[in-house]
Amino acid sequence: MKTATLTEQQNYHSSIVVNAKANEAYNKISHVNEWWAANFEGSAKNAGDVFTVRWGETFVTFKIADAVPGKTVTWVVTDCHLPWLKDKKEWNDTKVVFEISEENGVTKVDMTHIGLTPEVECYGDCETGWNHYIKKSLPKFIEEGLGVLQKG
């Protein structure tokens, strides 16, 4: 059994449980503009897809590295501009992984942002943002069809 290193254990991670089928949760995650960023370009459905989210001059571009419907999807940051940070490219080469599992009529979604650790400048602000989108907006969108987007 592989033991996670301290850094691996400190990657941002959040879990939610929703009243939906795993395939429904998987499909709703791909509707990024409904639960995370209204300013969305591209496609977030299949492996190889590329998409960009924007808030003013801030942007993040992702490529979907792998996608298994109802199970997992991995987004890799290929470019970003985070103007409030010293390293405006801090998210480059980080990965956002969604792991989905269904049991007893509910679905668990585990989201890990690999590379977003307490050592990086963005961690505090980004943790707050992800907590909002993953714990509030995404489950509301999956269960009710309406996410909680912040203005920006």
N, C-alpha and C. Protein backbone atom coordinates (compact mmCIF):
# COMPACT_ATOMS: atom_id res chain seq x y z
N MET A 1 0.85 -1.18 0.00
CA MET A 1 0.00 0.00 0.00
C MET A 1 0.89 1.24 0.00
N LYS A 2 0.59 2.16 -0.93
CA LYS A 2 1.37 3.39 -1.04
C LYS A 2 0.92 4.38 0.03
N THR A 3 1.86 4.98 0.70
CA THR A 3 1.56 6.01 1.69
C THR A 3 1.75 7.36 1.03
N ALA A 4 0.76 8.23 1.17
CA ALA A 4 0.85 9.57 0.58
C ALA A 4 1.90 10.39 1.32
N THR A 5 2.65 11.19 0.55
CA THR A 5 3.60 12.08 1.19
C THR A 5 2.82 13.21 1.86
N LEU A 6 3.49 13.94 2.71
CA LEU A 6 2.85 15.06 3.42
C LEU A 6 2.27 16.05 2.43
N THR A 7 3.03 16.37 1.36
CA THR A 7 2.54 17.32 0.36
C THR A 7 1.28 16.78 -0.31
N GLU A 8 1.26 15.48 -0.69
CA GLU A 8 0.08 14.91 -1.31
C GLU A 8 -1.13 15.01 -0.39
N GLN A 9 -0.91 14.82 0.89
CA GLN A 9 -2.00 14.87 1.85
C GLN A 9 -2.54 16.30 2.00
N GLN A 10 -1.74 17.30 1.69
CA GLN A 10 -2.14 18.68 1.90
C GLN A 10 -2.72 19.35 0.66
N ASN A 11 -2.84 18.61 -0.45
CA ASN A 11 -3.52 19.17 -1.62
C ASN A 11 -4.94 19.55 -1.20
N TYR A 12 -5.46 20.64 -1.78
CA TYR A 12 -6.84 21.01 -1.48
C TYR A 12 -7.74 19.82 -1.82
N HIS A 13 -8.64 19.50 -0.92
CA HIS A 13 -9.59 18.40 -1.14
C HIS A 13 -10.93 18.75 -0.51
N SER A 14 -11.99 18.39 -1.21
CA SER A 14 -13.33 18.58 -0.69
C SER A 14 -14.22 17.45 -1.18
N SER A 15 -15.18 17.05 -0.36
CA SER A 15 -16.13 16.00 -0.73
C SER A 15 -17.54 16.50 -0.51
N ILE A 16 -18.42 16.07 -1.41
CA ILE A 16 -19.84 16.34 -1.25
C ILE A 16 -20.60 15.05 -1.50
N VAL A 17 -21.80 14.96 -0.95
CA VAL A 17 -22.69 13.85 -1.23
C VAL A 17 -23.99 14.46 -1.76
N VAL A 18 -24.45 13.95 -2.90
CA VAL A 18 -25.64 14.51 -3.54
C VAL A 18 -26.65 13.41 -3.85
N ASN A 19 -27.91 13.81 -3.88
CA ASN A 19 -28.99 12.91 -4.26
C ASN A 19 -29.11 12.93 -5.78
N ALA A 20 -28.26 12.16 -6.43
CA ALA A 20 -28.23 12.07 -7.89
C ALA A 20 -27.46 10.81 -8.26
N LYS A 21 -27.66 10.36 -9.47
CA LYS A 21 -26.90 9.24 -9.99
C LYS A 21 -25.49 9.72 -10.36
N ALA A 22 -24.52 8.82 -10.34
CA ALA A 22 -23.13 9.16 -10.64
C ALA A 22 -23.00 9.79 -12.03
N ASN A 23 -23.69 9.24 -13.03
CA ASN A 23 -23.60 9.81 -14.38
C ASN A 23 -24.15 11.22 -14.44
N GLU A 24 -25.21 11.49 -13.67
CA GLU A 24 -25.78 12.84 -13.65
C GLU A 24 -24.78 13.82 -13.03
N ALA A 25 -24.17 13.43 -11.91
CA ALA A 25 -23.17 14.30 -11.27
C ALA A 25 -22.01 14.55 -12.23
N TYR A 26 -21.53 13.51 -12.88
CA TYR A 26 -20.44 13.64 -13.85
C TYR A 26 -20.81 14.64 -14.95
N ASN A 27 -22.00 14.48 -15.52
CA ASN A 27 -22.45 15.38 -16.59
C ASN A 27 -22.58 16.82 -16.10
N LYS A 28 -23.07 17.01 -14.90
CA LYS A 28 -23.26 18.37 -14.39
C LYS A 28 -21.92 19.05 -14.12
N ILE A 29 -20.91 18.29 -13.70
CA ILE A 29 -19.57 18.87 -13.48
C ILE A 29 -19.08 19.53 -14.77
N SER A 30 -19.40 18.95 -15.92
CA SER A 30 -18.93 19.49 -17.21
C SER A 30 -19.61 20.80 -17.59
N HIS A 31 -20.69 21.15 -16.91
CA HIS A 31 -21.39 22.42 -17.16
C HIS A 31 -20.79 23.51 -16.26
N VAL A 32 -19.52 23.76 -16.46
CA VAL A 32 -18.73 24.66 -15.62
C VAL A 32 -19.38 26.04 -15.47
N ASN A 33 -20.00 26.53 -16.56
CA ASN A 33 -20.61 27.86 -16.53
C ASN A 33 -21.87 27.91 -15.67
N GLU A 34 -22.38 26.78 -15.23
CA GLU A 34 -23.59 26.75 -14.40
C GLU A 34 -23.28 26.72 -12.90
N TRP A 35 -22.07 26.30 -12.52
CA TRP A 35 -21.76 26.20 -11.09
C TRP A 35 -20.46 26.89 -10.68
N TRP A 36 -19.60 27.26 -11.66
CA TRP A 36 -18.33 27.87 -11.27
C TRP A 36 -18.11 29.22 -11.92
N ALA A 37 -18.03 29.28 -13.23
CA ALA A 37 -17.65 30.52 -13.90
C ALA A 37 -18.59 30.81 -15.06
N ALA A 38 -19.35 31.89 -14.95
CA ALA A 38 -20.29 32.26 -16.01
C ALA A 38 -19.55 32.58 -17.31
N ASN A 39 -18.34 33.14 -17.20
CA ASN A 39 -17.55 33.46 -18.38
C ASN A 39 -16.70 32.24 -18.72
N PHE A 40 -17.24 31.39 -19.59
CA PHE A 40 -16.68 30.09 -19.91
C PHE A 40 -16.59 29.95 -21.43
N GLU A 41 -15.44 29.46 -21.91
CA GLU A 41 -15.25 29.23 -23.35
C GLU A 41 -14.72 27.82 -23.54
N GLY A 42 -15.19 27.13 -24.56
CA GLY A 42 -14.69 25.80 -24.88
C GLY A 42 -15.66 24.71 -24.47
N SER A 43 -15.12 23.52 -24.22
CA SER A 43 -15.93 22.38 -23.83
C SER A 43 -15.23 21.63 -22.71
N ALA A 44 -16.01 21.14 -21.74
CA ALA A 44 -15.45 20.44 -20.57
C ALA A 44 -16.09 19.06 -20.43
N LYS A 45 -16.37 18.40 -21.56
CA LYS A 45 -17.09 17.13 -21.51
C LYS A 45 -16.22 15.89 -21.68
N ASN A 46 -15.24 15.94 -22.59
CA ASN A 46 -14.51 14.74 -22.98
C ASN A 46 -13.01 14.91 -22.87
N ALA A 47 -12.31 13.79 -22.75
CA ALA A 47 -10.84 13.81 -22.75
C ALA A 47 -10.37 14.54 -24.00
N GLY A 48 -9.40 15.44 -23.81
CA GLY A 48 -8.87 16.24 -24.91
C GLY A 48 -9.52 17.60 -25.05
N ASP A 49 -10.71 17.78 -24.48
CA ASP A 49 -11.38 19.08 -24.53
C ASP A 49 -10.54 20.14 -23.80
N VAL A 50 -10.66 21.38 -24.26
CA VAL A 50 -9.97 22.51 -23.65
C VAL A 50 -11.02 23.57 -23.33
N PHE A 51 -10.89 24.17 -22.13
CA PHE A 51 -11.81 25.24 -21.77
C PHE A 51 -11.10 26.28 -20.92
N THR A 52 -11.66 27.50 -20.95
CA THR A 52 -11.11 28.62 -20.19
C THR A 52 -12.23 29.25 -19.37
N VAL A 53 -11.92 29.58 -18.13
CA VAL A 53 -12.83 30.34 -17.27
C VAL A 53 -12.17 31.69 -16.99
N ARG A 54 -13.02 32.75 -16.91
CA ARG A 54 -12.49 34.10 -16.72
C ARG A 54 -13.31 34.87 -15.69
N TRP A 55 -12.59 35.69 -14.95
CA TRP A 55 -13.18 36.69 -14.05
C TRP A 55 -12.35 37.94 -14.27
N GLY A 56 -12.84 38.88 -15.07
CA GLY A 56 -12.05 40.07 -15.38
C GLY A 56 -10.75 39.67 -16.06
N GLU A 57 -9.61 40.16 -15.55
CA GLU A 57 -8.33 39.82 -16.17
C GLU A 57 -7.80 38.46 -15.70
N THR A 58 -8.44 37.87 -14.72
CA THR A 58 -8.05 36.54 -14.23
C THR A 58 -8.60 35.49 -15.19
N PHE A 59 -7.75 34.52 -15.57
CA PHE A 59 -8.26 33.39 -16.36
C PHE A 59 -7.48 32.13 -16.02
N VAL A 60 -8.13 30.99 -16.28
CA VAL A 60 -7.49 29.68 -16.15
C VAL A 60 -7.94 28.84 -17.34
N THR A 61 -6.98 28.24 -18.04
CA THR A 61 -7.27 27.35 -19.16
C THR A 61 -6.92 25.92 -18.75
N PHE A 62 -7.84 25.02 -19.00
CA PHE A 62 -7.68 23.61 -18.64
C PHE A 62 -7.75 22.73 -19.89
N LYS A 63 -7.08 21.60 -19.83
CA LYS A 63 -7.25 20.53 -20.81
C LYS A 63 -7.71 19.30 -20.02
N ILE A 64 -8.71 18.61 -20.54
CA ILE A 64 -9.18 17.42 -19.85
C ILE A 64 -8.25 16.27 -20.21
N ALA A 65 -7.50 15.79 -19.20
CA ALA A 65 -6.51 14.74 -19.40
C ALA A 65 -7.17 13.37 -19.51
N ASP A 66 -8.17 13.14 -18.67
CA ASP A 66 -8.89 11.88 -18.78
C ASP A 66 -10.31 12.09 -18.27
N ALA A 67 -11.20 11.26 -18.81
CA ALA A 67 -12.60 11.37 -18.45
C ALA A 67 -13.25 9.99 -18.59
N VAL A 68 -13.78 9.49 -17.49
CA VAL A 68 -14.51 8.22 -17.48
C VAL A 68 -15.90 8.53 -16.95
N PRO A 69 -16.90 8.58 -17.84
CA PRO A 69 -18.25 8.96 -17.41
C PRO A 69 -18.73 8.21 -16.16
N GLY A 70 -19.24 9.01 -15.22
CA GLY A 70 -19.76 8.45 -13.98
C GLY A 70 -18.70 8.06 -12.96
N LYS A 71 -17.42 8.24 -13.31
CA LYS A 71 -16.33 7.80 -12.42
C LYS A 71 -15.33 8.89 -12.07
N THR A 72 -14.70 9.47 -13.09
CA THR A 72 -13.63 10.43 -12.82
C THR A 72 -13.41 11.37 -14.01
N VAL A 73 -12.93 12.56 -13.70
CA VAL A 73 -12.49 13.50 -14.73
C VAL A 73 -11.32 14.29 -14.15
N THR A 74 -10.30 14.50 -14.98
CA THR A 74 -9.10 15.23 -14.56
C THR A 74 -8.88 16.41 -15.49
N TRP A 75 -8.82 17.61 -14.89
CA TRP A 75 -8.53 18.84 -15.63
C TRP A 75 -7.09 19.24 -15.30
N VAL A 76 -6.28 19.50 -16.31
CA VAL A 76 -4.90 19.97 -16.13
C VAL A 76 -4.83 21.43 -16.54
N VAL A 77 -4.26 22.27 -15.68
CA VAL A 77 -4.12 23.69 -16.00
C VAL A 77 -2.97 23.85 -16.99
N THR A 78 -3.29 24.37 -18.18
CA THR A 78 -2.27 24.58 -19.21
C THR A 78 -1.81 26.03 -19.28
N ASP A 79 -2.64 26.95 -18.78
CA ASP A 79 -2.26 28.35 -18.74
C ASP A 79 -3.17 29.07 -17.75
N CYS A 80 -2.65 30.13 -17.16
CA CYS A 80 -3.47 30.92 -16.24
C CYS A 80 -2.85 32.30 -16.07
N HIS A 81 -3.66 33.20 -15.55
CA HIS A 81 -3.19 34.53 -15.17
C HIS A 81 -3.95 34.89 -13.90
N LEU A 82 -3.23 34.86 -12.79
CA LEU A 82 -3.80 35.16 -11.47
C LEU A 82 -3.14 36.45 -11.00
N PRO A 83 -3.69 37.61 -11.38
CA PRO A 83 -2.99 38.89 -11.23
C PRO A 83 -2.71 39.33 -9.80
N TRP A 84 -3.40 38.79 -8.82
CA TRP A 84 -3.18 39.21 -7.44
C TRP A 84 -2.01 38.48 -6.78
N LEU A 85 -1.42 37.51 -7.50
CA LEU A 85 -0.31 36.73 -6.94
C LEU A 85 1.04 37.20 -7.49
N LYS A 86 2.11 36.97 -6.73
CA LYS A 86 3.46 37.26 -7.23
C LYS A 86 3.74 36.39 -8.45
N ASP A 87 3.45 35.08 -8.32
CA ASP A 87 3.60 34.15 -9.45
C ASP A 87 2.23 34.03 -10.12
N LYS A 88 2.04 34.81 -11.16
CA LYS A 88 0.74 34.89 -11.83
C LYS A 88 0.38 33.60 -12.56
N LYS A 89 1.34 32.69 -12.67
CA LYS A 89 1.14 31.40 -13.35
C LYS A 89 1.14 30.25 -12.34
N GLU A 90 0.86 30.55 -11.08
CA GLU A 90 0.99 29.57 -10.01
C GLU A 90 0.20 28.28 -10.24
N TRP A 91 -0.94 28.35 -10.88
CA TRP A 91 -1.75 27.15 -11.10
C TRP A 91 -1.26 26.30 -12.27
N ASN A 92 -0.36 26.83 -13.12
CA ASN A 92 0.09 26.04 -14.27
C ASN A 92 0.58 24.67 -13.84
N ASP A 93 0.17 23.65 -14.59
CA ASP A 93 0.55 22.25 -14.37
C ASP A 93 -0.08 21.63 -13.13
N THR A 94 -0.99 22.34 -12.46
CA THR A 94 -1.73 21.69 -11.37
C THR A 94 -2.90 20.93 -12.00
N LYS A 95 -3.51 20.05 -11.22
CA LYS A 95 -4.60 19.22 -11.73
C LYS A 95 -5.79 19.29 -10.78
N VAL A 96 -6.98 19.35 -11.36
CA VAL A 96 -8.21 19.27 -10.60
C VAL A 96 -8.84 17.92 -10.95
N VAL A 97 -8.98 17.06 -9.94
CA VAL A 97 -9.47 15.71 -10.15
C VAL A 97 -10.80 15.53 -9.42
N PHE A 98 -11.80 15.09 -10.17
CA PHE A 98 -13.10 14.75 -9.60
C PHE A 98 -13.23 13.23 -9.64
N GLU A 99 -13.45 12.62 -8.46
CA GLU A 99 -13.70 11.18 -8.38
C GLU A 99 -15.13 11.00 -7.89
N ILE A 100 -15.88 10.19 -8.61
CA ILE A 100 -17.31 10.06 -8.38
C ILE A 100 -17.64 8.61 -8.05
N SER A 101 -18.42 8.42 -6.98
CA SER A 101 -18.84 7.05 -6.63
C SER A 101 -20.28 7.08 -6.13
N GLU A 102 -21.01 6.05 -6.50
CA GLU A 102 -22.43 5.97 -6.14
C GLU A 102 -22.64 4.78 -5.20
N GLU A 103 -23.37 5.02 -4.11
CA GLU A 103 -23.66 3.95 -3.17
C GLU A 103 -24.95 4.27 -2.43
N ASN A 104 -25.80 3.28 -2.30
CA ASN A 104 -27.07 3.41 -1.56
C ASN A 104 -27.91 4.60 -2.02
N GLY A 105 -27.96 4.83 -3.34
CA GLY A 105 -28.83 5.87 -3.87
C GLY A 105 -28.31 7.29 -3.81
N VAL A 106 -27.10 7.48 -3.30
CA VAL A 106 -26.48 8.81 -3.29
C VAL A 106 -25.12 8.74 -3.97
N THR A 107 -24.63 9.89 -4.37
CA THR A 107 -23.35 9.95 -5.07
C THR A 107 -22.40 10.84 -4.30
N LYS A 108 -21.18 10.34 -4.14
CA LYS A 108 -20.12 11.11 -3.49
C LYS A 108 -19.20 11.65 -4.58
N VAL A 109 -18.89 12.94 -4.49
CA VAL A 109 -17.94 13.58 -5.40
C VAL A 109 -16.77 14.06 -4.55
N ASP A 110 -15.59 13.51 -4.84
CA ASP A 110 -14.36 13.95 -4.19
C ASP A 110 -13.60 14.80 -5.19
N MET A 111 -13.27 16.02 -4.81
CA MET A 111 -12.50 16.91 -5.67
C MET A 111 -11.18 17.21 -4.99
N THR A 112 -10.09 17.00 -5.72
CA THR A 112 -8.76 17.31 -5.22
C THR A 112 -8.07 18.21 -6.23
N HIS A 113 -7.51 19.33 -5.74
CA HIS A 113 -6.71 20.20 -6.61
C HIS A 113 -5.25 19.89 -6.29
N ILE A 114 -4.66 19.03 -7.12
CA ILE A 114 -3.28 18.57 -6.91
C ILE A 114 -2.33 19.70 -7.27
N GLY A 115 -1.55 20.11 -6.31
CA GLY A 115 -0.63 21.23 -6.49
C GLY A 115 -1.06 22.48 -5.74
N LEU A 116 -2.32 22.50 -5.30
CA LEU A 116 -2.80 23.61 -4.47
C LEU A 116 -2.62 23.17 -3.02
N THR A 117 -1.47 23.54 -2.47
CA THR A 117 -1.09 23.14 -1.12
C THR A 117 -0.86 24.38 -0.26
N PRO A 118 -0.81 24.23 1.06
CA PRO A 118 -0.62 25.39 1.94
C PRO A 118 0.68 26.17 1.67
N GLU A 119 1.64 25.56 0.97
CA GLU A 119 2.91 26.24 0.69
C GLU A 119 2.78 27.29 -0.40
N VAL A 120 1.73 27.24 -1.23
CA VAL A 120 1.64 28.18 -2.34
C VAL A 120 0.85 29.42 -1.94
N GLU A 121 1.18 30.53 -2.57
CA GLU A 121 0.61 31.83 -2.20
C GLU A 121 -0.91 31.85 -2.29
N CYS A 122 -1.46 31.21 -3.29
CA CYS A 122 -2.90 31.25 -3.54
C CYS A 122 -3.73 30.45 -2.54
N TYR A 123 -3.10 29.59 -1.77
CA TYR A 123 -3.86 28.59 -1.01
C TYR A 123 -5.04 29.17 -0.22
N GLY A 124 -4.83 30.20 0.57
CA GLY A 124 -5.90 30.75 1.41
C GLY A 124 -7.09 31.24 0.59
N ASP A 125 -6.82 32.10 -0.39
CA ASP A 125 -7.90 32.64 -1.23
C ASP A 125 -8.54 31.54 -2.08
N CYS A 126 -7.71 30.66 -2.62
CA CYS A 126 -8.23 29.60 -3.50
C CYS A 126 -9.02 28.56 -2.71
N GLU A 127 -8.58 28.27 -1.50
CA GLU A 127 -9.34 27.34 -0.64
C GLU A 127 -10.74 27.91 -0.37
N THR A 128 -10.80 29.21 -0.06
CA THR A 128 -12.10 29.85 0.18
C THR A 128 -12.98 29.77 -1.05
N GLY A 129 -12.41 30.04 -2.21
CA GLY A 129 -13.16 29.98 -3.46
C GLY A 129 -13.66 28.57 -3.76
N TRP A 130 -12.74 27.59 -3.70
CA TRP A 130 -13.16 26.21 -3.97
C TRP A 130 -14.21 25.76 -2.96
N ASN A 131 -14.06 26.11 -1.70
CA ASN A 131 -15.07 25.71 -0.71
C ASN A 131 -16.45 26.20 -1.12
N HIS A 132 -16.54 27.43 -1.60
CA HIS A 132 -17.83 27.96 -2.06
C HIS A 132 -18.36 27.16 -3.24
N TYR A 133 -17.53 27.00 -4.26
CA TYR A 133 -18.00 26.36 -5.49
C TYR A 133 -18.25 24.87 -5.34
N ILE A 134 -17.40 24.17 -4.60
CA ILE A 134 -17.56 22.72 -4.48
C ILE A 134 -18.59 22.37 -3.41
N LYS A 135 -18.60 23.07 -2.30
CA LYS A 135 -19.51 22.70 -1.20
C LYS A 135 -20.90 23.34 -1.31
N LYS A 136 -21.02 24.45 -2.03
CA LYS A 136 -22.31 25.14 -2.12
C LYS A 136 -22.87 25.13 -3.54
N SER A 137 -22.11 25.66 -4.49
CA SER A 137 -22.64 25.83 -5.84
C SER A 137 -22.83 24.50 -6.58
N LEU A 138 -21.81 23.63 -6.58
CA LEU A 138 -21.91 22.39 -7.33
C LEU A 138 -23.05 21.49 -6.82
N PRO A 139 -23.17 21.23 -5.51
CA PRO A 139 -24.28 20.37 -5.09
C PRO A 139 -25.65 20.99 -5.39
N LYS A 140 -25.75 22.31 -5.27
CA LYS A 140 -27.02 22.97 -5.58
C LYS A 140 -27.35 22.81 -7.06
N PHE A 141 -26.34 22.91 -7.91
CA PHE A 141 -26.55 22.73 -9.34
C PHE A 141 -26.93 21.27 -9.66
N ILE A 142 -26.22 20.32 -9.05
CA ILE A 142 -26.51 18.91 -9.32
C ILE A 142 -27.93 18.56 -8.88
N GLU A 143 -28.33 19.00 -7.70
CA GLU A 143 -29.63 18.61 -7.15
C GLU A 143 -30.80 19.48 -7.60
N GLU A 144 -30.54 20.78 -7.83
CA GLU A 144 -31.63 21.71 -8.11
C GLU A 144 -31.55 22.36 -9.49
N GLY A 145 -30.42 22.18 -10.18
CA GLY A 145 -30.27 22.74 -11.51
C GLY A 145 -29.87 24.21 -11.55
N LEU A 146 -29.50 24.77 -10.39
CA LEU A 146 -29.12 26.17 -10.35
C LEU A 146 -27.95 26.34 -9.38
N GLY A 147 -26.76 26.66 -9.92
CA GLY A 147 -25.59 26.86 -9.09
C GLY A 147 -25.62 28.23 -8.43
N VAL A 148 -24.59 28.50 -7.63
CA VAL A 148 -24.47 29.78 -6.92
C VAL A 148 -23.20 30.46 -7.42
N LEU A 149 -23.33 31.21 -8.53
CA LEU A 149 -22.18 31.88 -9.11
C LEU A 149 -21.96 33.22 -8.42
N GLN A 150 -20.68 33.54 -8.19
CA GLN A 150 -20.34 34.83 -7.60
C GLN A 150 -20.07 35.80 -8.74
N LYS A 151 -20.39 37.04 -8.55
CA LYS A 151 -20.12 38.07 -9.56
C LYS A 151 -18.63 38.34 -9.59
N GLY A 152 -18.11 38.61 -10.76
CA GLY A 152 -16.68 38.89 -10.84
C GLY A 152 -16.24 39.29 -12.20
